[in-house]
């Protein structure tokens, strides 16, 4: 990445109504100064971009970021209070947040946070997203480095340099007409649809990134870790995230389910709004939430076009979770007695149905079908078609719930998908 000019790092004097005090950071083509408003005495951050050394795309993004920042008025967003040109530079006057970013905070805390702290921070980020989405602004680059913490612990979402205003059409550098796929965002946190269509996104794209951030806060690492952008894209599109319940002990079941829903592959399976995410997280922290809020009417947008026809094995467990998989998740939360009772009652009812079928159709026919299903499942395991094997073993268990072969095979099939 290009570095700002030496002149840009040694500026002084007035920018708008502020007087520059000291350089506090730089990167790319811009530098950020601490500044003081000469009339009110209030401190701000002033971000400056050198017109002479910046290209047309950088200038376009800078001006767009300033405009977007001026639209944000929520306490959990970094707002822009003025912008313009001065001394050959574009500048914007922003809120000064001196507490550092979430990435550094995570390092200070040893790489992961308690589940309550992680949920509280994520709820605040969700509130910031809800505000930006209400203005038709999609952040597109949500990650810990772009979340800031004030000295008193308040969360502020910033760096809207890659943000998209819905309905304004593609940005100049992202229209795709030159035949080159443009990656806009940070691949480690990007939703599947964002890789393919950086302009074909909606609020659920940010919600996916929010889920990746929460996953990282809870267990200390992201679910997808490839260093290669193409490989990361495949993982986001096709690979299931490792179960949180196997990485962190004593997480609330509802929190695990919420993360699964946030990072669902298909946009329609995620939360429809960040406001609902914040509400559910706050309820989980308070211990008052009994079940996750259901969206009233999920909609199909351009962002879902690529995923509506994916085969079940490539889709998120949120949309097609089997009973066996759900039991595998819940078994890691033994204190959730309510869920275990429901599963137990369900198994008893299923067993009664199976006994009736057993008597009606005869042992011989079911026995042959059971053996055939187990053999097909073994073949699928050898071919590494683990989801197909899971389905076959589940069917076999329905015939003979007490037989060990299918039960053991089902466990192996589920575990193989998690590896």
Protein backbone atom coordinates (compact mmCIF):
# COMPACT_ATOMS: atom_id res chain seq x y z
CA UNK A 1 0.00 0.00 0.00
CA UNK A 2 1.25 3.46 -0.90
CA UNK A 3 2.34 5.66 1.97
CA UNK A 4 1.38 9.30 2.40
CA UNK A 5 3.84 11.95 1.37
CA UNK A 6 6.28 13.44 3.88
CA UNK A 7 4.51 16.77 3.44
CA UNK A 8 1.23 15.15 4.49
CA UNK A 9 2.86 13.91 7.71
CA UNK A 10 4.22 17.36 8.62
CA UNK A 11 1.19 19.61 8.22
CA UNK A 12 0.24 22.43 10.54
CA UNK A 13 -2.16 25.33 10.71
CA UNK A 14 -5.89 25.61 10.10
CA UNK A 15 -8.20 23.11 8.41
CA UNK A 16 -11.70 24.43 8.46
CA UNK A 17 -12.51 25.57 11.97
CA UNK A 18 -9.79 23.45 13.56
CA UNK A 19 -6.11 23.93 14.33
CA UNK A 20 -3.89 20.88 13.87
CA UNK A 21 -2.09 19.79 17.07
CA UNK A 22 -0.26 16.52 16.38
CA UNK A 23 -0.06 13.60 13.96
CA UNK A 24 -1.77 10.55 15.47
CA UNK A 25 -1.74 8.10 12.57
CA UNK A 26 -1.30 7.53 8.86
CA UNK A 27 -1.72 4.84 6.26
CA UNK A 28 -2.48 4.48 2.59
CA UNK A 29 -2.69 7.96 1.09
CA UNK A 30 -4.03 9.77 4.17
CA UNK A 31 -2.90 11.02 7.57
CA UNK A 32 -4.92 11.73 10.72
CA UNK A 33 -4.23 14.60 13.11
CA UNK A 34 -5.56 15.56 16.50
CA UNK A 35 -7.01 19.04 16.21
CA UNK A 36 -8.82 21.64 18.29
CA UNK A 37 -11.77 23.74 17.21
CA UNK A 38 -10.63 27.35 17.54
CA UNK A 39 -14.10 28.56 18.52
CA UNK A 40 -15.46 25.88 20.86
CA UNK A 41 -12.21 24.35 22.17
CA UNK A 42 -13.52 20.87 21.37
CA UNK A 43 -11.04 18.26 20.15
CA UNK A 44 -11.50 16.43 16.86
CA UNK A 45 -9.63 14.12 14.51
CA UNK A 46 -8.84 15.61 11.09
CA UNK A 47 -8.17 13.20 8.24
CA UNK A 48 -6.29 14.70 5.28
CA UNK A 49 -5.57 13.43 1.77
CA UNK A 50 -2.92 14.95 -0.51
CA UNK A 51 -4.58 15.78 -3.83
CA UNK A 52 -1.27 15.82 -5.70
CA UNK A 53 -0.29 12.25 -4.82
CA UNK A 54 -3.73 10.62 -4.70
CA UNK A 55 -5.42 9.08 -7.71
CA UNK A 56 -8.94 9.74 -8.90
CA UNK A 57 -10.34 6.66 -7.15
CA UNK A 58 -8.73 7.60 -3.82
CA UNK A 59 -10.16 11.11 -4.04
CA UNK A 60 -13.58 9.75 -4.96
CA UNK A 61 -13.57 7.39 -1.99
CA UNK A 62 -12.36 10.12 0.38
CA UNK A 63 -15.09 12.54 -0.67
CA UNK A 64 -17.69 9.75 -0.43
CA UNK A 65 -16.46 8.79 3.06
CA UNK A 66 -16.80 12.41 4.20
CA UNK A 67 -20.33 12.60 2.81
CA UNK A 68 -21.34 9.31 4.43
CA UNK A 69 -19.80 10.34 7.77
CA UNK A 70 -21.85 13.53 7.75
CA UNK A 71 -25.02 11.40 7.44
CA UNK A 72 -24.23 9.41 10.60
CA UNK A 73 -25.48 10.86 13.87
CA UNK A 74 -25.66 7.83 16.17
CA UNK A 75 -23.46 7.75 19.29
CA UNK A 76 -22.02 4.40 18.17
CA UNK A 77 -20.78 5.77 14.82
CA UNK A 78 -17.82 8.03 14.08
CA UNK A 79 -19.43 11.14 12.62
CA UNK A 80 -17.96 13.75 10.25
CA UNK A 81 -18.58 17.38 11.26
CA UNK A 82 -17.10 19.16 8.26
CA UNK A 83 -15.02 18.68 5.15
CA UNK A 84 -13.42 20.59 2.32
CA UNK A 85 -10.11 21.48 0.65
CA UNK A 86 -7.24 23.35 2.25
CA UNK A 87 -3.58 23.79 1.27
CA UNK A 88 -3.79 21.28 -1.58
CA UNK A 89 -5.46 18.65 0.58
CA UNK A 90 -8.90 17.20 1.01
CA UNK A 91 -9.87 17.01 4.67
CA UNK A 92 -12.67 15.85 6.93
CA UNK A 93 -13.24 16.74 10.60
CA UNK A 94 -14.31 13.67 12.59
CA UNK A 95 -15.08 12.58 16.13
CA UNK A 96 -11.87 11.97 18.08
CA UNK A 97 -11.84 8.46 19.60
CA UNK A 98 -8.76 8.00 21.77
CA UNK A 99 -9.42 4.59 23.30
CA UNK A 100 -7.92 2.47 20.50
CA UNK A 101 -9.57 -0.11 18.26
CA UNK A 102 -11.16 -3.47 18.98
CA UNK A 103 -8.32 -5.36 17.33
CA UNK A 104 -5.80 -3.98 19.83
CA UNK A 105 -8.26 -4.40 22.70
CA UNK A 106 -8.64 -8.07 21.80
CA UNK A 107 -4.86 -8.52 21.92
CA UNK A 108 -4.69 -6.82 25.32
CA UNK A 109 -7.26 -9.29 26.65
CA UNK A 110 -5.29 -12.32 25.54
CA UNK A 111 -6.98 -12.92 22.18
CA UNK A 112 -10.56 -13.54 23.29
CA UNK A 113 -13.24 -12.02 25.50
CA UNK A 114 -15.77 -13.40 27.95
CA UNK A 115 -19.00 -14.25 26.18
CA UNK A 116 -20.90 -11.45 27.95
CA UNK A 117 -18.30 -8.82 27.03
CA UNK A 118 -18.21 -10.06 23.43
CA UNK A 119 -22.00 -10.02 23.21
CA UNK A 120 -22.25 -6.49 24.67
CA UNK A 121 -19.68 -5.08 22.25
CA UNK A 122 -21.32 -6.84 19.31
CA UNK A 123 -24.72 -5.50 20.33
CA UNK A 124 -23.32 -1.95 20.21
CA UNK A 125 -21.80 -2.58 16.78
CA UNK A 126 -25.18 -3.92 15.64
CA UNK A 127 -26.85 -0.71 16.84
CA UNK A 128 -24.32 1.30 14.80
CA UNK A 129 -25.07 -0.85 11.75
CA UNK A 130 -28.81 -0.42 12.29
CA UNK A 131 -28.30 3.34 12.18
CA UNK A 132 -26.15 3.27 9.03
CA UNK A 133 -28.53 0.83 7.32
CA UNK A 134 -31.43 3.19 8.09
CA UNK A 135 -29.53 5.70 5.93
CA UNK A 136 -29.10 3.06 3.16
CA UNK A 137 -25.37 2.84 3.96
CA UNK A 138 -23.68 -0.58 3.79
CA UNK A 139 -20.29 -0.56 5.53
CA UNK A 140 -18.70 -3.44 3.53
CA UNK A 141 -15.53 -3.49 5.66
CA UNK A 142 -16.65 -4.37 9.17
CA UNK A 143 -13.75 -5.83 11.18
CA UNK A 144 -12.18 -5.29 14.64
CA UNK A 145 -9.68 -2.75 13.28
CA UNK A 146 -12.58 -0.51 12.19
CA UNK A 147 -14.37 -0.63 15.56
CA UNK A 148 -13.12 1.92 18.10
CA UNK A 149 -13.50 2.09 21.87
CA UNK A 150 -13.65 5.34 23.79
CA UNK A 151 -11.88 5.83 27.10
CA UNK A 152 -15.12 5.03 28.95
CA UNK A 153 -15.74 1.88 26.88
CA UNK A 154 -18.27 3.18 24.37
CA UNK A 155 -18.15 1.42 20.99
CA UNK A 156 -17.84 3.49 17.79
CA UNK A 157 -17.99 2.09 14.26
CA UNK A 158 -15.73 4.00 11.89
CA UNK A 159 -13.79 3.91 8.61
CA UNK A 160 -16.62 4.08 6.08
CA UNK A 161 -14.14 4.51 3.22
CA UNK A 162 -15.45 1.42 1.40
CA UNK A 163 -19.09 2.00 2.27
CA UNK A 164 -21.80 1.81 -0.37
CA UNK A 165 -24.92 3.98 -0.49
CA UNK A 166 -27.64 1.68 -1.80
CA UNK A 167 -29.40 2.92 -4.89
CA UNK A 168 -26.57 5.11 -6.14
CA UNK A 169 -25.20 2.54 -8.58
CA UNK A 170 -21.71 1.03 -8.85
CA UNK A 171 -18.64 2.99 -7.90
CA UNK A 172 -16.22 3.84 -10.68
CA UNK A 173 -13.55 1.35 -9.60
CA UNK A 174 -16.05 -1.46 -8.98
CA UNK A 175 -18.30 -1.52 -12.04
CA UNK A 176 -16.67 -4.72 -13.35
CA UNK A 177 -16.84 -3.73 -17.02
CA UNK A 178 -13.12 -4.26 -17.59
CA UNK A 179 -13.51 -7.98 -16.93
CA UNK A 180 -11.55 -7.97 -13.66
CA UNK A 181 -13.25 -9.11 -10.47
CA UNK A 182 -12.71 -6.43 -7.86
CA UNK A 183 -12.50 -7.47 -4.20
CA UNK A 184 -13.91 -4.72 -2.00
CA UNK A 185 -13.48 -5.27 1.72
CA UNK A 186 -11.35 -7.49 3.94
CA UNK A 187 -11.69 -11.09 2.69
CA UNK A 188 -11.43 -12.66 6.16
CA UNK A 189 -14.75 -11.00 7.11
CA UNK A 190 -16.57 -10.81 3.78
CA UNK A 191 -19.90 -12.47 3.05
CA UNK A 192 -20.05 -14.94 0.14
CA UNK A 193 -22.06 -12.58 -2.06
CA UNK A 194 -19.60 -9.71 -1.51
CA UNK A 195 -16.80 -11.60 -3.26
CA UNK A 196 -18.88 -11.98 -6.42
CA UNK A 197 -20.76 -8.69 -6.51
CA UNK A 198 -19.27 -5.92 -4.36
CA UNK A 199 -22.14 -3.62 -5.35
CA UNK A 200 -24.84 -6.31 -5.08
CA UNK A 201 -24.98 -6.23 -1.30
CA UNK A 202 -27.51 -5.28 1.35
CA UNK A 203 -27.64 -4.98 5.16
CA UNK A 204 -27.31 -8.75 5.54
CA UNK A 205 -23.80 -8.53 4.10
CA UNK A 206 -22.72 -6.44 7.10
CA UNK A 207 -24.61 -8.82 9.39
CA UNK A 208 -22.49 -11.71 8.10
CA UNK A 209 -19.30 -9.75 8.86
CA UNK A 210 -20.71 -8.99 12.31
CA UNK A 211 -21.06 -12.73 12.87
CA UNK A 212 -17.43 -13.36 11.92
CA UNK A 213 -16.35 -10.62 14.34
CA UNK A 214 -18.43 -12.11 17.17
CA UNK A 215 -17.05 -15.59 16.44
CA UNK A 216 -13.52 -14.17 16.71
CA UNK A 217 -14.25 -12.33 19.95
CA UNK A 218 -15.64 -15.51 21.51
CA UNK A 219 -12.96 -18.04 20.59
CA UNK A 220 -9.91 -15.96 19.67
CA UNK A 221 -9.77 -16.80 15.98
CA UNK A 222 -11.88 -16.43 12.88
CA UNK A 223 -13.70 -19.48 11.48
CA UNK A 224 -11.89 -19.28 8.13
CA UNK A 225 -8.12 -18.79 8.21
CA UNK A 226 -6.69 -19.26 4.71
CA UNK A 227 -4.03 -16.75 3.64
CA UNK A 228 -5.15 -16.96 0.01
CA UNK A 229 -8.04 -14.77 -1.14
CA UNK A 230 -9.41 -17.39 -3.54
CA UNK A 231 -9.26 -20.07 -0.87
CA UNK A 232 -10.95 -17.72 1.62
CA UNK A 233 -13.72 -17.12 -0.88
CA UNK A 234 -14.29 -20.87 -1.23
CA UNK A 235 -14.35 -21.30 2.52
CA UNK A 236 -16.88 -18.50 3.02
CA UNK A 237 -19.03 -19.90 0.23
CA UNK A 238 -18.79 -23.63 0.92
CA UNK A 239 -17.18 -24.54 4.23
CA UNK A 240 -19.04 -24.72 7.53
CA UNK A 241 -17.55 -22.81 10.45
CA UNK A 242 -16.23 -25.07 13.24
CA UNK A 243 -18.79 -25.46 16.02
CA UNK A 244 -18.31 -22.79 18.67
CA UNK A 245 -19.48 -25.24 21.34
CA UNK A 246 -16.42 -27.38 20.62
CA UNK A 247 -14.05 -24.41 20.91
CA UNK A 248 -15.43 -22.60 23.95
CA UNK A 249 -17.04 -24.14 27.02
CA UNK A 250 -20.24 -22.97 28.67
CA UNK A 251 -21.51 -20.69 25.91
CA UNK A 252 -25.27 -20.11 26.04
CA UNK A 253 -27.07 -22.22 23.47
CA UNK A 254 -28.91 -19.17 22.14
CA UNK A 255 -25.62 -17.36 21.54
CA UNK A 256 -24.29 -20.31 19.52
CA UNK A 257 -27.50 -20.37 17.48
CA UNK A 258 -27.30 -16.60 16.95
CA UNK A 259 -23.75 -16.82 15.57
CA UNK A 260 -24.78 -19.65 13.24
CA UNK A 261 -27.62 -17.48 11.95
CA UNK A 262 -25.39 -14.44 11.44
CA UNK A 263 -22.87 -16.37 9.31
CA UNK A 264 -25.35 -18.39 7.27
CA UNK A 265 -24.18 -18.80 3.68
CA UNK A 266 -27.47 -17.68 2.15
CA UNK A 267 -28.55 -14.10 2.97
CA UNK A 268 -32.19 -15.13 3.47
CA UNK A 269 -31.14 -17.33 6.40
CA UNK A 270 -29.47 -14.49 8.28
CA UNK A 271 -31.12 -11.83 10.39
CA UNK A 272 -32.99 -9.36 8.26
CA UNK A 273 -31.93 -6.37 10.36
CA UNK A 274 -29.09 -5.38 12.66
CA UNK A 275 -31.65 -3.93 15.06
CA UNK A 276 -32.98 -7.44 15.77
CA UNK A 277 -29.42 -8.72 16.27
CA UNK A 278 -28.80 -6.05 18.92
CA UNK A 279 -32.10 -6.84 20.61
CA UNK A 280 -31.40 -10.58 20.81
CA UNK A 281 -27.84 -10.09 22.04
CA UNK A 282 -29.03 -7.77 24.79
CA UNK A 283 -31.66 -10.34 25.77
CA UNK A 284 -29.06 -13.12 25.92
CA UNK A 285 -26.79 -11.02 28.14
CA UNK A 286 -29.69 -10.13 30.43
CA UNK A 287 -30.84 -13.74 30.56
CA UNK A 288 -34.38 -12.80 29.49
CA UNK A 289 -34.41 -14.20 25.95
CA UNK A 290 -36.12 -17.57 25.57
CA UNK A 291 -35.69 -17.99 21.82
CA UNK A 292 -34.20 -16.00 18.96
CA UNK A 293 -36.45 -13.45 17.30
CA UNK A 294 -37.83 -14.57 13.97
CA UNK A 295 -37.84 -12.06 11.11
CA UNK A 296 -41.34 -11.41 9.88
CA UNK A 297 -40.71 -11.61 6.15
CA UNK A 298 -37.23 -12.38 4.81
CA UNK A 299 -36.77 -10.90 1.35
CA UNK A 300 -34.78 -12.10 -1.64
CA UNK A 301 -32.30 -9.53 -2.98
CA UNK A 302 -29.58 -9.59 -5.60
CA UNK A 303 -27.14 -10.69 -2.90
CA UNK A 304 -28.94 -14.03 -2.65
CA UNK A 305 -29.06 -14.80 -6.35
CA UNK A 306 -25.91 -16.91 -6.36
CA UNK A 307 -26.93 -19.11 -3.43
CA UNK A 308 -30.60 -19.94 -3.79
CA UNK A 309 -29.84 -23.05 -5.86
CA UNK A 310 -26.93 -24.45 -3.87
CA UNK A 311 -27.35 -28.15 -2.99
CA UNK A 312 -28.12 -28.74 0.71
CA UNK A 313 -24.59 -29.99 1.48
CA UNK A 314 -23.22 -26.56 0.52
CA UNK A 315 -25.74 -24.54 2.50
CA UNK A 316 -25.60 -23.33 6.07
CA UNK A 317 -26.75 -25.52 8.97
CA UNK A 318 -29.12 -22.64 9.80
CA UNK A 319 -31.22 -23.47 6.74
CA UNK A 320 -31.08 -27.26 6.74
CA UNK A 321 -29.90 -28.46 10.14
CA UNK A 322 -30.79 -32.09 10.75
CA UNK A 323 -31.89 -33.49 14.08
CA UNK A 324 -28.60 -35.36 14.44
CA UNK A 325 -26.53 -32.20 13.90
CA UNK A 326 -28.63 -30.22 16.33
CA UNK A 327 -28.17 -32.92 18.94
CA UNK A 328 -24.41 -32.83 18.34
CA UNK A 329 -24.40 -29.09 19.10
CA UNK A 330 -26.68 -29.31 22.11
CA UNK A 331 -24.77 -32.22 23.66
CA UNK A 332 -21.94 -29.76 24.34
CA UNK A 333 -24.27 -27.73 26.55
CA UNK A 334 -25.37 -30.25 29.23
CA UNK A 335 -26.80 -27.56 31.46
CA UNK A 336 -29.52 -26.70 28.96
CA UNK A 337 -32.03 -29.10 30.57
CA UNK A 338 -34.97 -27.71 28.73
CA UNK A 339 -33.50 -28.54 25.34
CA UNK A 340 -32.46 -32.01 26.52
CA UNK A 341 -36.00 -32.71 27.74
CA UNK A 342 -37.44 -31.67 24.40
CA UNK A 343 -35.00 -33.95 22.59
CA UNK A 344 -35.82 -36.80 24.98
CA UNK A 345 -39.56 -36.44 24.45
CA UNK A 346 -39.02 -36.27 20.69
CA UNK A 347 -36.95 -39.46 20.76
CA UNK A 348 -39.60 -41.26 22.80
CA UNK A 349 -42.32 -40.24 20.36
CA UNK A 350 -40.16 -41.28 17.41
CA UNK A 351 -39.43 -44.63 19.08
CA UNK A 352 -43.15 -45.29 19.53
CA UNK A 353 -43.74 -44.57 15.86
CA UNK A 354 -40.86 -46.84 14.86
CA UNK A 355 -42.18 -49.70 16.99
CA UNK A 356 -45.59 -49.41 15.35
CA UNK A 357 -44.01 -49.45 11.90
CA UNK A 358 -41.81 -52.36 12.91
CA UNK A 359 -44.81 -54.49 13.90
CA UNK A 360 -46.85 -53.48 10.85
CA UNK A 361 -44.25 -54.10 8.16
CA UNK A 362 -42.23 -56.94 9.71
CA UNK A 363 -38.63 -57.28 10.79
CA UNK A 364 -37.31 -58.81 7.60
CA UNK A 365 -38.10 -55.95 5.22
CA UNK A 366 -36.76 -53.27 7.59
CA UNK A 367 -33.65 -55.29 8.32
CA UNK A 368 -32.76 -55.49 4.63
CA UNK A 369 -33.34 -51.78 4.17
CA UNK A 370 -31.27 -51.00 7.28
CA UNK A 371 -28.30 -53.00 5.99
CA UNK A 372 -28.57 -51.39 2.55
CA UNK A 373 -28.61 -47.87 4.03
CA UNK A 374 -25.58 -48.60 6.21
CA UNK A 375 -23.67 -49.98 3.24
CA UNK A 376 -24.53 -46.91 1.13
CA UNK A 377 -23.43 -44.69 4.02
CA UNK A 378 -20.07 -46.49 4.27
CA UNK A 379 -19.54 -45.98 0.54
CA UNK A 380 -20.36 -42.26 0.92
CA UNK A 381 -17.87 -41.97 3.81
CA UNK A 382 -15.13 -43.55 1.70
CA UNK A 383 -15.90 -41.01 -1.04
CA UNK A 384 -15.77 -38.21 1.59
CA UNK A 385 -19.43 -37.34 0.95
CA UNK A 386 -19.99 -36.87 4.66
CA UNK A 387 -23.32 -35.05 4.47
CA UNK A 388 -24.77 -37.83 2.28
CA UNK A 389 -23.49 -40.38 4.80
CA UNK A 390 -25.11 -38.41 7.63
CA UNK A 391 -28.49 -38.51 5.83
CA UNK A 392 -28.21 -42.25 5.13
CA UNK A 393 -27.27 -43.14 8.69
CA UNK A 394 -30.13 -40.98 9.98
CA UNK A 395 -32.57 -42.94 7.81
CA UNK A 396 -31.14 -46.19 9.12
CA UNK A 397 -31.57 -45.03 12.71
CA UNK A 398 -35.23 -44.35 12.01
CA UNK A 399 -35.63 -48.03 11.13
CA UNK A 400 -33.71 -49.40 14.13
CA UNK A 401 -32.97 -46.69 16.73
CA UNK A 402 -31.21 -49.11 19.09
CA UNK A 403 -28.71 -50.60 16.62
CA UNK A 404 -25.18 -49.39 17.19
CA UNK A 405 -23.76 -49.49 13.64
CA UNK A 406 -25.82 -46.57 12.32
CA UNK A 407 -25.45 -44.56 15.55
CA UNK A 408 -21.66 -44.89 15.49
CA UNK A 409 -21.55 -44.09 11.78
CA UNK A 410 -23.70 -40.98 12.24
CA UNK A 411 -21.34 -39.61 14.88
CA UNK A 412 -18.36 -40.16 12.59
CA UNK A 413 -20.14 -38.48 9.65
CA UNK A 414 -21.00 -35.40 11.74
CA UNK A 415 -17.47 -35.15 13.16
CA UNK A 416 -15.93 -35.49 9.68
CA UNK A 417 -17.88 -32.43 8.52
CA UNK A 418 -16.50 -30.39 11.43
CA UNK A 419 -12.85 -31.22 10.66
